[in-house]
Amino acid sequence: MTTSVVSIVYVNDAPAAARFYGDLLDMSPSFETSGYITFDLGPGADLALWSGQFEDLSPDVPRTSEVCLAIDSGPDELNAIFKQWQAKGVTILHEPHDAGFGLTFLAADPDGNRIRVAPQG
């Protein structure tokens, strides 16, 4: 069995997407090529941005999966992240609200991929 999980997000421009995610996550990529860039999220977890697999990804196409950033602090931290992202101009799809697992909000990257911030559970 593998000891690592890599979540791959398809994007139009990997370097531009890496700048977007690097700013949101406050981290630098751990591996970079022109079309494939990864972020080391911790033991056994990476986020990969991959371009060139699909032509002209549209933010208008519905997405059926999400990147979830699970935070281990409470609602105050989640609301602070929400306000930070709003100030950066990140597209917000659903403002903070209670869900079955706690307070959460949903955003989108420039390619329309969904990014959820939620409590670590």
N, C-alpha and C. Protein backbone atom coordinates (compact mmCIF):
# COMPACT_ATOMS: atom_id res chain seq x y z
N MET A 1 0.83 -1.17 0.00
CA MET A 1 0.00 0.00 0.00
C MET A 1 0.89 1.25 0.00
N THR A 2 0.41 2.29 -0.62
CA THR A 2 1.15 3.54 -0.70
C THR A 2 1.19 4.27 0.65
N THR A 3 2.21 5.04 0.86
CA THR A 3 2.31 5.81 2.10
C THR A 3 2.07 7.28 1.86
N SER A 4 1.65 7.63 0.63
CA SER A 4 1.40 9.03 0.30
C SER A 4 0.15 9.15 -0.55
N VAL A 5 -0.58 10.23 -0.36
CA VAL A 5 -1.75 10.53 -1.17
C VAL A 5 -1.49 11.88 -1.84
N VAL A 6 -1.63 11.91 -3.16
CA VAL A 6 -1.47 13.14 -3.92
C VAL A 6 -2.82 13.51 -4.51
N SER A 7 -3.32 14.68 -4.15
CA SER A 7 -4.56 15.20 -4.73
C SER A 7 -4.16 16.05 -5.93
N ILE A 8 -4.63 15.67 -7.12
CA ILE A 8 -4.29 16.37 -8.35
C ILE A 8 -5.44 17.28 -8.75
N VAL A 9 -5.10 18.54 -9.01
CA VAL A 9 -6.08 19.53 -9.47
C VAL A 9 -5.67 19.94 -10.88
N TYR A 10 -6.58 19.79 -11.85
CA TYR A 10 -6.30 20.19 -13.22
C TYR A 10 -6.49 21.69 -13.36
N VAL A 11 -5.51 22.35 -13.96
CA VAL A 11 -5.52 23.80 -14.11
C VAL A 11 -5.09 24.17 -15.53
N ASN A 12 -5.39 25.39 -15.94
CA ASN A 12 -4.97 25.86 -17.26
C ASN A 12 -3.50 26.24 -17.29
N ASP A 13 -3.01 26.82 -16.21
CA ASP A 13 -1.65 27.36 -16.16
C ASP A 13 -1.06 26.99 -14.80
N ALA A 14 -0.22 25.95 -14.78
CA ALA A 14 0.31 25.46 -13.50
C ALA A 14 1.09 26.53 -12.73
N PRO A 15 1.99 27.29 -13.36
CA PRO A 15 2.70 28.32 -12.59
C PRO A 15 1.76 29.38 -11.99
N ALA A 16 0.75 29.80 -12.75
CA ALA A 16 -0.21 30.79 -12.21
C ALA A 16 -1.01 30.18 -11.07
N ALA A 17 -1.43 28.93 -11.23
CA ALA A 17 -2.18 28.26 -10.17
C ALA A 17 -1.30 28.09 -8.93
N ALA A 18 -0.01 27.80 -9.14
CA ALA A 18 0.90 27.64 -8.00
C ALA A 18 1.06 28.95 -7.23
N ARG A 19 1.09 30.06 -7.95
CA ARG A 19 1.16 31.36 -7.26
C ARG A 19 -0.11 31.58 -6.44
N PHE A 20 -1.27 31.24 -6.99
CA PHE A 20 -2.55 31.37 -6.29
C PHE A 20 -2.57 30.50 -5.03
N TYR A 21 -2.28 29.21 -5.18
CA TYR A 21 -2.31 28.30 -4.03
C TYR A 21 -1.19 28.61 -3.04
N GLY A 22 -0.02 28.98 -3.53
CA GLY A 22 1.08 29.34 -2.64
C GLY A 22 0.71 30.52 -1.75
N ASP A 23 0.01 31.49 -2.33
CA ASP A 23 -0.44 32.65 -1.56
C ASP A 23 -1.48 32.24 -0.53
N LEU A 24 -2.44 31.40 -0.93
CA LEU A 24 -3.49 30.97 0.01
C LEU A 24 -2.92 30.12 1.14
N LEU A 25 -2.00 29.22 0.80
CA LEU A 25 -1.46 28.29 1.79
C LEU A 25 -0.23 28.85 2.51
N ASP A 26 0.28 29.97 2.04
CA ASP A 26 1.49 30.58 2.59
C ASP A 26 2.65 29.58 2.58
N MET A 27 2.85 28.97 1.40
CA MET A 27 3.96 28.02 1.24
C MET A 27 4.47 28.03 -0.18
N SER A 28 5.64 27.49 -0.36
CA SER A 28 6.26 27.37 -1.67
C SER A 28 6.13 25.94 -2.18
N PRO A 29 6.14 25.78 -3.50
CA PRO A 29 6.08 24.42 -4.05
C PRO A 29 7.27 23.57 -3.61
N SER A 30 7.03 22.27 -3.53
CA SER A 30 8.09 21.34 -3.19
C SER A 30 8.70 20.69 -4.43
N PHE A 31 7.99 20.78 -5.56
CA PHE A 31 8.47 20.21 -6.83
C PHE A 31 7.85 21.03 -7.95
N GLU A 32 8.65 21.37 -8.98
CA GLU A 32 8.13 22.19 -10.07
C GLU A 32 8.67 21.76 -11.42
N THR A 33 7.76 21.59 -12.38
CA THR A 33 8.10 21.55 -13.79
C THR A 33 7.16 22.57 -14.43
N SER A 34 7.24 22.76 -15.73
CA SER A 34 6.40 23.78 -16.36
C SER A 34 4.91 23.45 -16.28
N GLY A 35 4.57 22.18 -16.21
CA GLY A 35 3.16 21.81 -16.22
C GLY A 35 2.69 21.01 -15.02
N TYR A 36 3.58 20.77 -14.05
CA TYR A 36 3.21 19.97 -12.88
C TYR A 36 3.96 20.50 -11.67
N ILE A 37 3.20 20.96 -10.70
CA ILE A 37 3.79 21.59 -9.51
C ILE A 37 3.11 21.02 -8.28
N THR A 38 3.91 20.66 -7.27
CA THR A 38 3.33 20.08 -6.05
C THR A 38 3.68 20.90 -4.82
N PHE A 39 2.81 20.78 -3.83
CA PHE A 39 3.02 21.35 -2.51
C PHE A 39 3.00 20.21 -1.50
N ASP A 40 3.99 20.16 -0.65
CA ASP A 40 4.06 19.16 0.41
C ASP A 40 3.20 19.66 1.56
N LEU A 41 2.09 18.99 1.80
CA LEU A 41 1.14 19.42 2.84
C LEU A 41 1.40 18.78 4.19
N GLY A 42 2.38 17.91 4.26
CA GLY A 42 2.68 17.22 5.51
C GLY A 42 2.91 15.75 5.22
N PRO A 43 3.18 14.99 6.25
CA PRO A 43 3.48 13.56 6.05
C PRO A 43 2.39 12.85 5.25
N GLY A 44 2.78 12.36 4.09
CA GLY A 44 1.87 11.54 3.29
C GLY A 44 0.83 12.29 2.49
N ALA A 45 0.93 13.61 2.36
CA ALA A 45 -0.09 14.36 1.63
C ALA A 45 0.55 15.45 0.77
N ASP A 46 0.18 15.46 -0.51
CA ASP A 46 0.65 16.48 -1.43
C ASP A 46 -0.53 17.01 -2.24
N LEU A 47 -0.42 18.27 -2.64
CA LEU A 47 -1.36 18.88 -3.57
C LEU A 47 -0.59 19.12 -4.85
N ALA A 48 -1.10 18.58 -5.97
CA ALA A 48 -0.44 18.74 -7.26
C ALA A 48 -1.33 19.55 -8.19
N LEU A 49 -0.71 20.46 -8.93
CA LEU A 49 -1.39 21.27 -9.94
C LEU A 49 -0.85 20.83 -11.28
N TRP A 50 -1.74 20.39 -12.18
CA TRP A 50 -1.31 19.80 -13.44
C TRP A 50 -2.01 20.48 -14.59
N SER A 51 -1.23 21.06 -15.50
CA SER A 51 -1.81 21.69 -16.68
C SER A 51 -1.46 20.89 -17.92
N GLY A 52 -2.18 21.14 -18.99
CA GLY A 52 -1.92 20.46 -20.26
C GLY A 52 -2.70 19.19 -20.45
N GLN A 53 -3.52 18.82 -19.49
CA GLN A 53 -4.30 17.59 -19.62
C GLN A 53 -5.63 17.83 -20.32
N PHE A 54 -6.16 19.03 -20.22
CA PHE A 54 -7.42 19.40 -20.84
C PHE A 54 -7.23 20.79 -21.41
N GLU A 55 -7.83 21.05 -22.54
CA GLU A 55 -7.73 22.38 -23.15
C GLU A 55 -8.81 23.29 -22.59
N ASP A 56 -8.40 24.47 -22.20
CA ASP A 56 -9.32 25.53 -21.79
C ASP A 56 -10.34 25.08 -20.74
N LEU A 57 -9.84 24.72 -19.58
CA LEU A 57 -10.74 24.43 -18.46
C LEU A 57 -11.57 25.67 -18.19
N SER A 58 -12.85 25.51 -18.01
CA SER A 58 -13.73 26.66 -17.78
C SER A 58 -14.20 26.70 -16.33
N PRO A 59 -14.12 27.87 -15.69
CA PRO A 59 -14.64 27.99 -14.33
C PRO A 59 -16.15 27.75 -14.26
N ASP A 60 -16.84 27.84 -15.42
CA ASP A 60 -18.30 27.68 -15.43
C ASP A 60 -18.76 26.23 -15.42
N VAL A 61 -17.85 25.30 -15.67
CA VAL A 61 -18.22 23.88 -15.67
C VAL A 61 -18.35 23.41 -14.23
N PRO A 62 -19.49 22.79 -13.87
CA PRO A 62 -19.66 22.31 -12.50
C PRO A 62 -18.57 21.31 -12.10
N ARG A 63 -18.10 21.43 -10.87
CA ARG A 63 -17.08 20.52 -10.34
C ARG A 63 -17.74 19.57 -9.35
N THR A 64 -17.27 18.34 -9.33
CA THR A 64 -17.87 17.34 -8.44
C THR A 64 -16.93 16.91 -7.33
N SER A 65 -15.80 17.59 -7.21
CA SER A 65 -14.89 17.28 -6.12
C SER A 65 -14.34 18.59 -5.57
N GLU A 66 -13.67 18.51 -4.42
CA GLU A 66 -13.13 19.69 -3.76
C GLU A 66 -11.77 19.38 -3.16
N VAL A 67 -10.96 20.40 -3.06
CA VAL A 67 -9.78 20.35 -2.20
C VAL A 67 -10.28 20.87 -0.87
N CYS A 68 -10.08 20.13 0.20
CA CYS A 68 -10.54 20.57 1.52
C CYS A 68 -9.34 20.87 2.39
N LEU A 69 -9.27 22.10 2.87
CA LEU A 69 -8.24 22.50 3.81
C LEU A 69 -8.83 22.37 5.20
N ALA A 70 -8.44 21.34 5.90
CA ALA A 70 -8.96 21.05 7.23
C ALA A 70 -8.11 21.78 8.27
N ILE A 71 -8.75 22.65 9.02
CA ILE A 71 -8.02 23.40 10.05
C ILE A 71 -8.33 22.81 11.42
N ASP A 72 -7.35 22.89 12.31
CA ASP A 72 -7.52 22.28 13.63
C ASP A 72 -7.88 23.30 14.71
N SER A 73 -8.23 24.51 14.27
CA SER A 73 -8.67 25.51 15.24
C SER A 73 -10.17 25.75 15.07
N GLY A 74 -10.71 26.64 15.83
CA GLY A 74 -12.15 26.84 15.87
C GLY A 74 -12.71 27.82 14.86
N PRO A 75 -13.97 28.19 15.07
CA PRO A 75 -14.69 29.07 14.16
C PRO A 75 -14.03 30.44 13.97
N ASP A 76 -13.37 30.96 15.00
CA ASP A 76 -12.72 32.27 14.86
C ASP A 76 -11.64 32.22 13.79
N GLU A 77 -10.85 31.15 13.78
CA GLU A 77 -9.80 31.00 12.77
C GLU A 77 -10.40 30.83 11.38
N LEU A 78 -11.46 30.04 11.27
CA LEU A 78 -12.11 29.84 9.98
C LEU A 78 -12.64 31.17 9.45
N ASN A 79 -13.27 31.95 10.29
CA ASN A 79 -13.78 33.26 9.87
C ASN A 79 -12.65 34.21 9.49
N ALA A 80 -11.52 34.12 10.17
CA ALA A 80 -10.36 34.96 9.84
C ALA A 80 -9.82 34.58 8.45
N ILE A 81 -9.75 33.28 8.17
CA ILE A 81 -9.29 32.82 6.85
C ILE A 81 -10.26 33.31 5.78
N PHE A 82 -11.55 33.19 6.06
CA PHE A 82 -12.57 33.65 5.12
C PHE A 82 -12.37 35.13 4.80
N LYS A 83 -12.17 35.96 5.80
CA LYS A 83 -11.98 37.40 5.59
C LYS A 83 -10.68 37.68 4.82
N GLN A 84 -9.62 36.93 5.13
CA GLN A 84 -8.35 37.06 4.41
C GLN A 84 -8.55 36.77 2.93
N TRP A 85 -9.22 35.66 2.64
CA TRP A 85 -9.42 35.26 1.25
C TRP A 85 -10.30 36.27 0.52
N GLN A 86 -11.34 36.77 1.19
CA GLN A 86 -12.18 37.79 0.58
C GLN A 86 -11.34 39.01 0.22
N ALA A 87 -10.48 39.44 1.13
CA ALA A 87 -9.63 40.61 0.90
C ALA A 87 -8.67 40.38 -0.27
N LYS A 88 -8.29 39.14 -0.51
CA LYS A 88 -7.39 38.81 -1.62
C LYS A 88 -8.15 38.72 -2.95
N GLY A 89 -9.48 38.77 -2.89
CA GLY A 89 -10.27 38.68 -4.11
C GLY A 89 -10.59 37.27 -4.55
N VAL A 90 -10.41 36.30 -3.66
CA VAL A 90 -10.73 34.91 -3.99
C VAL A 90 -12.25 34.79 -4.21
N THR A 91 -12.64 34.04 -5.23
CA THR A 91 -14.06 33.81 -5.50
C THR A 91 -14.66 32.97 -4.38
N ILE A 92 -15.67 33.50 -3.73
CA ILE A 92 -16.37 32.78 -2.65
C ILE A 92 -17.67 32.23 -3.22
N LEU A 93 -17.84 30.93 -3.13
CA LEU A 93 -19.04 30.28 -3.64
C LEU A 93 -20.12 30.14 -2.57
N HIS A 94 -19.69 29.98 -1.31
CA HIS A 94 -20.65 29.84 -0.21
C HIS A 94 -19.98 30.37 1.05
N GLU A 95 -20.55 31.40 1.62
CA GLU A 95 -19.97 32.03 2.81
C GLU A 95 -20.03 31.07 4.00
N PRO A 96 -19.33 31.39 5.10
CA PRO A 96 -19.33 30.49 6.26
C PRO A 96 -20.76 30.13 6.71
N HIS A 97 -20.93 28.85 6.93
CA HIS A 97 -22.23 28.32 7.35
C HIS A 97 -21.99 27.01 8.10
N ASP A 98 -22.97 26.61 8.88
CA ASP A 98 -22.88 25.34 9.58
C ASP A 98 -23.26 24.20 8.64
N ALA A 99 -22.46 23.17 8.64
CA ALA A 99 -22.76 21.95 7.89
C ALA A 99 -22.74 20.82 8.91
N GLY A 100 -22.97 19.60 8.48
CA GLY A 100 -23.02 18.48 9.40
C GLY A 100 -21.73 18.25 10.15
N PHE A 101 -20.63 18.77 9.66
CA PHE A 101 -19.32 18.56 10.29
C PHE A 101 -18.78 19.82 10.95
N GLY A 102 -19.54 20.92 10.94
CA GLY A 102 -19.11 22.15 11.58
C GLY A 102 -19.15 23.34 10.63
N LEU A 103 -18.59 24.46 11.08
CA LEU A 103 -18.55 25.68 10.29
C LEU A 103 -17.62 25.49 9.10
N THR A 104 -18.05 25.93 7.92
CA THR A 104 -17.29 25.74 6.70
C THR A 104 -17.60 26.86 5.72
N PHE A 105 -16.71 27.05 4.74
CA PHE A 105 -17.03 27.90 3.59
C PHE A 105 -16.41 27.29 2.35
N LEU A 106 -16.90 27.74 1.18
CA LEU A 106 -16.47 27.18 -0.09
C LEU A 106 -16.01 28.30 -1.01
N ALA A 107 -14.84 28.12 -1.60
CA ALA A 107 -14.27 29.09 -2.53
C ALA A 107 -13.93 28.37 -3.83
N ALA A 108 -13.40 29.14 -4.79
CA ALA A 108 -12.97 28.55 -6.06
C ALA A 108 -11.67 29.18 -6.49
N ASP A 109 -10.82 28.37 -7.15
CA ASP A 109 -9.59 28.91 -7.73
C ASP A 109 -9.95 29.53 -9.08
N PRO A 110 -9.01 30.18 -9.76
CA PRO A 110 -9.33 30.82 -11.04
C PRO A 110 -9.82 29.87 -12.13
N ASP A 111 -9.54 28.58 -12.01
CA ASP A 111 -10.02 27.60 -12.98
C ASP A 111 -11.38 27.01 -12.60
N GLY A 112 -11.94 27.45 -11.48
CA GLY A 112 -13.25 26.96 -11.04
C GLY A 112 -13.20 25.77 -10.12
N ASN A 113 -12.01 25.28 -9.78
CA ASN A 113 -11.90 24.17 -8.84
C ASN A 113 -12.32 24.63 -7.45
N ARG A 114 -13.07 23.79 -6.77
CA ARG A 114 -13.59 24.15 -5.44
C ARG A 114 -12.57 23.92 -4.35
N ILE A 115 -12.56 24.87 -3.40
CA ILE A 115 -11.69 24.78 -2.24
C ILE A 115 -12.55 25.00 -1.01
N ARG A 116 -12.64 24.00 -0.17
CA ARG A 116 -13.42 24.10 1.07
C ARG A 116 -12.48 24.29 2.25
N VAL A 117 -12.87 25.15 3.17
CA VAL A 117 -12.18 25.26 4.45
C VAL A 117 -13.15 24.74 5.49
N ALA A 118 -12.70 23.80 6.29
CA ALA A 118 -13.58 23.12 7.25
C ALA A 118 -12.77 22.69 8.46
N PRO A 119 -13.45 22.36 9.55
CA PRO A 119 -12.72 21.88 10.73
C PRO A 119 -12.15 20.49 10.48
N GLN A 120 -11.00 20.26 11.06
CA GLN A 120 -10.39 18.94 10.99
C GLN A 120 -11.22 18.03 11.88
N GLY A 121 -11.60 16.93 11.37
CA GLY A 121 -12.52 16.14 12.15
C GLY A 121 -12.15 14.77 12.35
